Amino acid sequence: MCIVSIIRKIARQKISLARPETGFTLLETMIVGAIIGIAGLIAIPNYLVWQSRSELRQAVTEVQNQLLLARMAALSRNAPVTVAISITNGAVQTTTTNAATGAPVLASISVRLPHVVDLKVGPSAAWTSAATANVSFNSRGMRSGGPGPTLNQELAMVNDQGVQYAMKVTPRGIVNWCQDSVCS
């Protein structure tokens, strides 16, 4: 009898030591879901603005790089070069050709950036939208054409949020861009 009572006593202790069930209640799960939803509602508009600005920055940088490559091509080939810049169907396109012969100098570049919506040409006091903007460099790498031999040629790109980044090409052929509507 002693052994049976000991076994029963051990069995009762095991039952009393059993852990209660663990997990999350429906209310706790709903609260966490609501917090995640509110955080998402706050974050998504900021993300869209960031993405739009990022694409605008990428577009302006890509055009600047293509203009610098075209200037180097004009210098190295001792030939005038023209770069045509356009924005069509959500893509920024640059085409670099020999200004004298019309032959391609560099491969045409097309970068899909759906948030970049407009190309503008200056002067910055009176921006006008343009389907295509041309920038030409002579065989010495200096900008030719444009607004005149002593003025900067100004371009700008606009995203779907209305933010505008400007670029200027100096008469010496130096290309700069800034995160403002006008480069100084």
Protein backbone atom coordinates (compact mmCIF):
# COMPACT_ATOMS: atom_id res chain seq x y z
CA MET A 1 0.00 0.00 0.00
CA CYS A 2 2.83 2.29 0.67
CA ILE A 3 4.11 2.05 -2.89
CA VAL A 4 0.67 2.79 -4.35
CA SER A 5 0.26 5.90 -2.22
CA ILE A 6 3.73 7.12 -3.22
CA ILE A 7 2.90 6.65 -6.93
CA ARG A 8 -0.38 8.56 -6.49
CA LYS A 9 1.41 11.33 -4.67
CA ILE A 10 3.98 11.62 -7.50
CA ALA A 11 1.20 11.63 -10.13
CA ARG A 12 -0.59 14.47 -8.29
CA GLN A 13 2.62 16.49 -8.13
CA LYS A 14 3.20 16.04 -11.88
CA ILE A 15 -0.31 17.26 -12.62
CA SER A 16 0.08 20.30 -10.38
CA LEU A 17 3.49 21.10 -11.93
CA ALA A 18 2.12 21.02 -15.50
CA ARG A 19 2.48 24.38 -17.18
CA PRO A 20 -0.55 26.37 -18.20
CA GLU A 21 -1.18 26.75 -21.95
CA THR A 22 0.90 29.46 -23.66
CA GLY A 23 0.16 31.67 -26.66
CA PHE A 24 -1.43 34.98 -27.59
CA THR A 25 -5.02 35.89 -27.14
CA LEU A 26 -7.12 37.20 -30.01
CA LEU A 27 -7.15 40.65 -28.43
CA GLU A 28 -3.35 40.81 -28.22
CA THR A 29 -3.05 39.72 -31.84
CA MET A 30 -5.56 42.37 -32.95
CA ILE A 31 -3.70 45.12 -31.07
CA VAL A 32 -0.39 44.16 -32.74
CA GLY A 33 -2.14 44.10 -36.14
CA ALA A 34 -3.57 47.58 -35.54
CA ILE A 35 -0.14 48.95 -34.56
CA ILE A 36 1.45 47.50 -37.71
CA GLY A 37 -1.38 48.95 -39.83
CA ILE A 38 -0.98 52.43 -38.36
CA ALA A 39 2.80 52.30 -38.86
CA GLY A 40 2.22 51.29 -42.48
CA LEU A 41 -0.20 54.15 -43.05
CA ILE A 42 2.41 56.59 -41.75
CA ALA A 43 5.34 55.06 -43.66
CA ILE A 44 3.88 54.50 -47.15
CA PRO A 45 3.44 58.19 -48.15
CA ASN A 46 6.97 58.99 -46.95
CA TYR A 47 8.31 56.03 -48.91
CA LEU A 48 6.57 57.19 -52.10
CA VAL A 49 8.03 60.70 -51.75
CA TRP A 50 11.48 59.23 -51.11
CA GLN A 51 11.20 56.93 -54.14
CA SER A 52 10.12 59.80 -56.39
CA ARG A 53 13.03 62.00 -55.28
CA SER A 54 15.44 59.10 -55.61
CA GLU A 55 14.38 58.51 -59.21
CA LEU A 56 14.72 62.22 -59.99
CA ARG A 57 18.23 62.23 -58.52
CA GLN A 58 19.08 59.13 -60.56
CA ALA A 59 17.78 60.74 -63.76
CA VAL A 60 19.74 63.95 -63.27
CA THR A 61 22.91 62.02 -62.38
CA GLU A 62 22.52 59.78 -65.43
CA VAL A 63 22.14 62.77 -67.75
CA GLN A 64 25.12 64.48 -66.13
CA ASN A 65 27.25 61.36 -66.64
CA GLN A 66 26.20 61.08 -70.29
CA LEU A 67 27.06 64.74 -70.88
CA LEU A 68 30.48 64.23 -69.30
CA LEU A 69 31.08 61.15 -71.47
CA ALA A 70 30.00 63.09 -74.57
CA ARG A 71 32.41 65.89 -73.72
CA MET A 72 35.25 63.39 -73.34
CA ALA A 73 34.25 61.76 -76.63
CA ALA A 74 34.38 65.14 -78.37
CA LEU A 75 37.85 65.76 -76.97
CA SER A 76 39.23 62.30 -77.73
CA ARG A 77 37.77 62.10 -81.26
CA ASN A 78 38.45 65.73 -82.10
CA ALA A 79 34.92 66.01 -83.43
CA PRO A 80 31.79 67.92 -82.40
CA VAL A 81 29.28 65.86 -80.41
CA THR A 82 25.58 66.44 -79.66
CA VAL A 83 23.58 64.82 -76.87
CA ALA A 84 19.79 64.63 -77.23
CA ILE A 85 17.94 64.26 -73.91
CA SER A 86 14.27 63.30 -73.76
CA ILE A 87 11.71 61.89 -71.35
CA THR A 88 9.13 59.63 -72.96
CA ASN A 89 6.82 57.01 -71.48
CA GLY A 90 8.49 57.09 -68.08
CA ALA A 91 12.02 56.67 -69.47
CA VAL A 92 14.89 59.15 -69.57
CA GLN A 93 16.71 58.73 -72.85
CA THR A 94 20.05 60.13 -74.02
CA THR A 95 21.42 59.76 -77.53
CA THR A 96 24.94 60.92 -78.35
CA THR A 97 25.86 61.54 -81.98
CA ASN A 98 28.64 63.12 -84.01
CA ALA A 99 27.30 66.60 -84.79
CA ALA A 100 29.00 66.70 -88.20
CA THR A 101 28.04 63.25 -89.53
CA GLY A 102 25.07 62.21 -87.38
CA ALA A 103 26.76 58.89 -86.60
CA PRO A 104 26.28 57.48 -83.09
CA VAL A 105 29.23 58.17 -80.81
CA LEU A 106 28.02 56.42 -77.66
CA ALA A 107 25.32 53.83 -77.18
CA SER A 108 21.88 55.32 -76.55
CA ILE A 109 20.94 55.03 -72.90
CA SER A 110 17.35 54.62 -71.72
CA VAL A 111 16.63 54.39 -68.01
CA ARG A 112 13.09 53.54 -66.88
CA LEU A 113 12.15 56.05 -64.17
CA PRO A 114 8.36 56.38 -64.08
CA HIS A 115 8.32 59.15 -61.46
CA VAL A 116 10.33 61.58 -63.64
CA VAL A 117 7.71 63.29 -65.77
CA ASP A 118 9.01 66.51 -67.34
CA LEU A 119 12.10 67.99 -68.98
CA LYS A 120 12.49 71.77 -68.96
CA VAL A 121 14.90 74.08 -70.71
CA GLY A 122 16.02 77.48 -69.45
CA PRO A 123 16.80 80.24 -68.86
CA SER A 124 15.74 79.52 -65.30
CA ALA A 125 13.75 82.74 -65.08
CA ALA A 126 11.31 81.29 -67.63
CA TRP A 127 11.45 77.47 -67.70
CA THR A 128 9.62 75.88 -70.62
CA SER A 129 8.76 72.21 -71.06
CA ALA A 130 10.47 70.49 -73.96
CA ALA A 131 10.15 67.08 -75.57
CA THR A 132 13.89 67.04 -76.31
CA ALA A 133 16.85 69.12 -75.19
CA ASN A 134 20.12 69.17 -77.12
CA VAL A 135 23.54 69.91 -75.68
CA SER A 136 26.48 70.18 -78.07
CA PHE A 137 30.22 70.12 -77.46
CA ASN A 138 32.85 71.21 -79.98
CA SER A 139 36.07 69.31 -80.66
CA ARG A 140 37.80 71.15 -77.79
CA GLY A 141 35.15 69.98 -75.29
CA MET A 142 33.53 73.39 -74.95
CA ARG A 143 29.78 73.75 -75.16
CA SER A 144 28.59 75.05 -78.51
CA GLY A 145 25.13 76.28 -79.34
CA GLY A 146 22.72 76.88 -76.51
CA PRO A 147 21.79 80.34 -75.25
CA GLY A 148 25.03 82.02 -76.26
CA PRO A 149 28.79 81.81 -75.90
CA THR A 150 28.88 83.40 -72.44
CA LEU A 151 25.69 82.06 -70.83
CA ASN A 152 25.08 78.74 -69.10
CA GLN A 153 22.77 76.28 -70.82
CA GLU A 154 20.15 75.31 -68.24
CA LEU A 155 18.05 72.16 -68.04
CA ALA A 156 15.71 70.86 -65.36
CA MET A 157 13.85 67.66 -64.61
CA VAL A 158 10.62 67.43 -62.62
CA ASN A 159 9.12 64.43 -60.81
CA ASP A 160 5.47 63.57 -60.23
CA GLN A 161 5.59 65.33 -56.83
CA GLY A 162 6.50 68.66 -58.51
CA VAL A 163 10.10 68.63 -57.23
CA GLN A 164 12.55 70.10 -59.74
CA TYR A 165 16.31 69.54 -59.98
CA ALA A 166 18.27 71.87 -62.24
CA MET A 167 21.40 71.36 -64.32
CA LYS A 168 23.70 73.82 -65.98
CA VAL A 169 26.29 73.36 -68.69
CA THR A 170 28.85 76.16 -68.64
CA PRO A 171 30.40 77.55 -71.83
CA ARG A 172 33.59 75.64 -70.90
CA GLY A 173 31.56 72.39 -71.01
CA ILE A 174 31.42 71.73 -67.27
CA VAL A 175 28.18 70.05 -66.15
CA ASN A 176 26.72 70.66 -62.68
CA TRP A 177 23.38 69.82 -61.12
CA CYS A 178 21.74 70.91 -57.91
CA GLN A 179 18.72 69.94 -55.82
CA ASP A 180 17.09 73.28 -56.41
CA SER A 181 14.92 74.68 -59.15
CA VAL A 182 17.85 76.90 -60.20
CA CYS A 183 21.60 76.24 -60.05
CA SER A 184 23.61 79.25 -58.99
